[in-house]
C-alpha atoms as a PDB file:
ATOM      1  CA  MET A   1      53.988  65.327  -6.795  1.00  0.00           C
ATOM      2  CA  THR A   2      51.721  62.858  -4.998  1.00  0.00           C
ATOM      3  CA  VAL A   3      49.119  60.711  -6.719  1.00  0.00           C
ATOM      4  CA  THR A   4      46.346  62.829  -5.206  1.00  0.00           C
ATOM      5  CA  GLU A   5      47.950  65.973  -6.563  1.00  0.00           C
ATOM      6  CA  LYS A   6      48.291  64.406 -10.020  1.00  0.00           C
ATOM      7  CA  VAL A   7      44.607  63.432 -10.034  1.00  0.00           C
ATOM      8  CA  ALA A   8      43.652  66.959  -8.963  1.00  0.00           C
ATOM      9  CA  TYR A   9      45.765  68.291 -11.831  1.00  0.00           C
ATOM     10  CA  LEU A  10      43.935  65.978 -14.285  1.00  0.00           C
ATOM     11  CA  LYS A  11      40.592  67.101 -12.899  1.00  0.00           C
ATOM     12  CA  GLY A  12      41.551  70.756 -13.334  1.00  0.00           C
ATOM     13  CA  LEU A  13      42.859  70.061 -16.811  1.00  0.00           C
ATOM     14  CA  ALA A  14      39.574  68.402 -17.787  1.00  0.00           C
ATOM     15  CA  GLU A  15      37.575  71.316 -16.393  1.00  0.00           C
ATOM     16  CA  GLY A  16      39.819  73.780 -18.231  1.00  0.00           C
ATOM     17  CA  MET A  17      39.163  71.983 -21.524  1.00  0.00           C
ATOM     18  CA  ASP A  18      35.423  72.749 -21.167  1.00  0.00           C
ATOM     19  CA  ILE A  19      34.509  69.132 -21.784  1.00  0.00           C
ATOM     20  CA  ASP A  20      30.736  68.830 -21.936  1.00  0.00           C
ATOM     21  CA  ALA A  21      29.665  66.488 -19.144  1.00  0.00           C
ATOM     22  CA  ALA A  22      26.463  65.732 -21.050  1.00  0.00           C
ATOM     23  CA  THR A  23      28.295  63.892 -23.835  1.00  0.00           C
ATOM     24  CA  LYS A  24      29.278  60.229 -23.659  1.00  0.00           C
ATOM     25  CA  GLU A  25      32.968  61.136 -23.713  1.00  0.00           C
ATOM     26  CA  GLY A  26      32.511  63.770 -21.005  1.00  0.00           C
ATOM     27  CA  LYS A  27      30.667  61.343 -18.750  1.00  0.00           C
ATOM     28  CA  LEU A  28      33.370  58.708 -19.270  1.00  0.00           C
ATOM     29  CA  LEU A  29      36.213  61.139 -18.584  1.00  0.00           C
ATOM     30  CA  ASN A  30      34.562  62.455 -15.405  1.00  0.00           C
ATOM     31  CA  ALA A  31      33.895  58.912 -14.198  1.00  0.00           C
ATOM     32  CA  ILE A  32      37.533  57.941 -14.809  1.00  0.00           C
ATOM     33  CA  ILE A  33      38.749  60.998 -12.917  1.00  0.00           C
ATOM     34  CA  ASP A  34      36.389  60.183 -10.003  1.00  0.00           C
ATOM     35  CA  VAL A  35      37.694  56.606  -9.849  1.00  0.00           C
ATOM     36  CA  LEU A  36      41.290  57.848  -9.973  1.00  0.00           C
ATOM     37  CA  SER A  37      40.513  60.269  -7.157  1.00  0.00           C
ATOM     38  CA  ASP A  38      39.038  57.485  -5.000  1.00  0.00           C
ATOM     39  CA  MET A  39      42.030  55.253  -5.735  1.00  0.00           C
ATOM     40  CA  ALA A  40      44.460  58.039  -4.825  1.00  0.00           C
ATOM     41  CA  LEU A  41      42.718  58.588  -1.490  1.00  0.00           C
ATOM     42  CA  ASP A  42      42.743  54.838  -0.781  1.00  0.00           C
ATOM     43  CA  LEU A  43      46.438  54.725  -1.640  1.00  0.00           C
ATOM     44  CA  GLU A  44      47.176  57.539   0.800  1.00  0.00           C
ATOM     45  CA  ASP A  45      45.219  55.705   3.521  1.00  0.00           C
ATOM     46  CA  LEU A  46      47.193  52.522   2.847  1.00  0.00           C
ATOM     47  CA  ALA A  47      50.487  54.413   3.008  1.00  0.00           C
ATOM     48  CA  ASP A  48      49.457  55.903   6.356  1.00  0.00           C
ATOM     49  CA  ASP A  49      48.486  52.443   7.635  1.00  0.00           C
ATOM     50  CA  VAL A  50      51.817  50.959   6.538  1.00  0.00           C
ATOM     51  CA  THR A  51      53.696  53.741   8.312  1.00  0.00           C
ATOM     52  CA  GLU A  52      51.696  53.148  11.483  1.00  0.00           C
ATOM     53  CA  ILE A  53      52.238  49.376  11.319  1.00  0.00           C
ATOM     54  CA  ALA A  54      55.979  49.865  10.749  1.00  0.00           C
ATOM     55  CA  GLU A  55      56.138  52.032  13.886  1.00  0.00           C
ATOM     56  CA  HIS A  56      54.342  49.319  15.880  1.00  0.00           C
ATOM     57  CA  VAL A  57      56.676  46.624  14.541  1.00  0.00           C
ATOM     58  CA  ASP A  58      59.696  48.727  15.519  1.00  0.00           C
ATOM     59  CA  ALA A  59      58.279  49.159  19.023  1.00  0.00           C
ATOM     60  CA  ILE A  60      57.616  45.410  19.318  1.00  0.00           C
ATOM     61  CA  ASP A  61      61.151  44.680  18.088  1.00  0.00           C
ATOM     62  CA  GLU A  62      62.612  46.993  20.729  1.00  0.00           C
ATOM     63  CA  ASP A  63      60.472  45.372  23.443  1.00  0.00           C
ATOM     64  CA  LEU A  64      61.513  41.903  22.300  1.00  0.00           C
ATOM     65  CA  ASP A  65      65.152  42.945  22.332  1.00  0.00           C
ATOM     66  CA  GLU A  66      64.765  44.139  25.927  1.00  0.00           C
ATOM     67  CA  LEU A  67      63.102  40.853  26.902  1.00  0.00           C
ATOM     68  CA  GLU A  68      65.863  38.833  25.262  1.00  0.00           C
ATOM     69  CA  THR A  69      68.459  40.892  27.094  1.00  0.00           C
ATOM     70  CA  ASP A  70      66.673  40.550  30.437  1.00  0.00           C
ATOM     71  CA  TYR A  71      65.787  36.859  30.284  1.00  0.00           C
ATOM     72  CA  TYR A  72      68.451  35.347  28.070  1.00  0.00           C
ATOM     73  CA  GLU A  73      71.552  37.307  29.027  1.00  0.00           C
ATOM     74  CA  ASP A  74      73.191  34.191  30.506  1.00  0.00           C
ATOM     75  CA  TYR A  75      72.122  31.974  27.625  1.00  0.00           C
ATOM     76  CA  GLU A  76      75.075  30.672  25.642  1.00  0.00           C
ATOM     77  CA  ASP A  77      74.486  29.421  22.119  1.00  0.00           C
ATOM     78  CA  GLU A  78      77.625  27.257  22.081  1.00  0.00           C
ATOM     79  CA  ASP A  79      75.964  23.841  21.909  1.00  0.00           C
ATOM     80  CA  GLU A  80      73.325  24.660  19.296  1.00  0.00           C
ATOM     81  CA  ASP A  81      75.181  22.843  16.503  1.00  0.00           C
ATOM     82  CA  GLU A  82      75.449  19.657  18.528  1.00  0.00           C
ATOM     83  CA  ASP A  83      71.733  19.753  19.322  1.00  0.00           C
ATOM     84  CA  ASP A  84      70.950  19.915  15.596  1.00  0.00           C
ATOM     85  CA  GLY A  85      73.156  16.920  14.765  1.00  0.00           C
ATOM     86  CA  PHE A  86      76.075  19.058  13.585  1.00  0.00           C
ATOM     87  CA  TYR A  87      79.541  19.112  15.112  1.00  0.00           C
ATOM     88  CA  ASP A  88      82.084  21.907  15.091  1.00  0.00           C
ATOM     89  CA  ILE A  89      85.438  21.008  13.535  1.00  0.00           C
ATOM     90  CA  THR A  90      88.568  23.172  13.505  1.00  0.00           C
ATOM     91  CA  CYS A  91      91.039  22.577  10.702  1.00  0.00           C
ATOM     92  CA  PRO A  92      94.527  22.078  12.181  1.00  0.00           C
ATOM     93  CA  ALA A  93      96.139  23.470   9.019  1.00  0.00           C
ATOM     94  CA  CYS A  94      94.366  26.833   8.665  1.00  0.00           C
ATOM     95  CA  GLY A  95      92.343  27.173  11.872  1.00  0.00           C
ATOM     96  CA  GLU A  96      89.028  27.479   9.977  1.00  0.00           C
ATOM     97  CA  GLU A  97      86.054  26.358  12.080  1.00  0.00           C
ATOM     98  CA  PHE A  98      83.108  24.720  10.324  1.00  0.00           C
ATOM     99  CA  ALA A  99      80.280  22.339  11.131  1.00  0.00           C
ATOM    100  CA  VAL A 100      79.782  18.802   9.813  1.00  0.00           C
ATOM    101  CA  ASP A 101      76.937  16.368  10.281  1.00  0.00           C
ATOM    102  CA  GLU A 102      77.197  12.935  11.894  1.00  0.00           C
ATOM    103  CA  GLU A 103      77.083  11.169   8.530  1.00  0.00           C
ATOM    104  CA  THR A 104      80.200  13.026   7.417  1.00  0.00           C
ATOM    105  CA  LEU A 105      81.973  12.064  10.633  1.00  0.00           C
ATOM    106  CA  LEU A 106      81.069   8.423  10.089  1.00  0.00           C
ATOM    107  CA  GLU A 107      82.445   8.559   6.514  1.00  0.00           C
ATOM    108  CA  GLY A 108      85.848   9.176   8.087  1.00  0.00           C
ATOM    109  CA  SER A 109      87.180  12.226   6.256  1.00  0.00           C
ATOM    110  CA  ILE A 110      86.359  15.582   4.684  1.00  0.00           C
ATOM    111  CA  GLY A 111      88.281  18.304   2.892  1.00  0.00           C
ATOM    112  CA  CYS A 112      88.536  21.637   4.680  1.00  0.00           C
ATOM    113  CA  PRO A 113      86.277  24.122   2.864  1.00  0.00           C
ATOM    114  CA  ASN A 114      88.870  26.866   3.397  1.00  0.00           C
ATOM    115  CA  CYS A 115      92.248  25.318   2.540  1.00  0.00           C
ATOM    116  CA  GLY A 116      91.340  21.892   1.122  1.00  0.00           C
ATOM    117  CA  GLU A 117      93.352  19.959   3.748  1.00  0.00           C
ATOM    118  CA  ASN A 118      92.047  16.399   4.093  1.00  0.00           C
ATOM    119  CA  LEU A 119      90.760  15.904   7.642  1.00  0.00           C
ATOM    120  CA  GLU A 120      90.355  12.321   8.823  1.00  0.00           C
ATOM    121  CA  PHE A 121      88.132  11.167  11.661  1.00  0.00           C
ATOM    122  CA  ASP A 122      88.918   7.874  13.374  1.00  0.00           C
ATOM    123  CA  LEU A 123      86.009   7.226  15.693  1.00  0.00           C
ATOM    124  CA  ASP A 124      87.335   3.752  16.594  1.00  0.00           C
ATOM    125  CA  GLU A 125      90.086   5.389  18.613  1.00  0.00           C
ATOM    126  CA  CYS A 126      87.712   7.815  20.313  1.00  0.00           C
ATOM    127  CA  ASP A 127      88.046   7.777  24.091  1.00  0.00           C
ATOM    128  CA  GLY A 128      84.616   9.323  24.688  1.00  0.00           C
ATOM    129  CA  ASP A 129      86.149  12.572  25.874  1.00  0.00           C
ATOM    130  CA  CYS A 130      85.521  14.576  22.708  1.00  0.00           C
ATOM    131  CA  ASP A 131      82.976  16.868  21.128  1.00  0.00           C
ATOM    132  CA  CYS A 132      82.255  14.530  18.197  1.00  0.00           C
ATOM    133  CA  CYS A 133      80.286  11.880  20.023  1.00  0.00           C
ATOM    134  CA  GLU A 134      79.404  13.455  23.360  1.00  0.00           C
ATOM    135  CA  GLY A 135      80.687  10.360  25.132  1.00  0.00           C
ATOM    136  CA  ASP A 136      78.480   7.898  23.188  1.00  0.00           C
ATOM    137  CA  CYS A 137      81.265   6.042  21.372  1.00  0.00           C
ATOM    138  CA  GLU A 138      83.058   4.383  24.285  1.00  0.00           C
END
């Protein structure tokens, strides 16, 4: 049962009780039912608006997906971590890949979050041909 239907039921119930609209209580009850009726109609309008907006958002999302496919199909997101100051590390013990920041690299070691293996980084021996420094440590 919708809110509008419930308010209509209350209105019919009040009319069936033969409440005298001339009394203070009758006036109050009728006013409350009128307000509830207005609120129920407003609620239905809002629900309709939300449904319409959701349909528009879905259409925009589909259009955006098409644009991303058309214009960014060759775009590779491989270097995003390096651009943010994070570097991809692969644990030699378990093969888990994870990202670390430059500060962690400079500290010299970190435990693998998957297996706990201690991974050491020796940037002094870096030949500049690695992912960790992008050639800046020569």
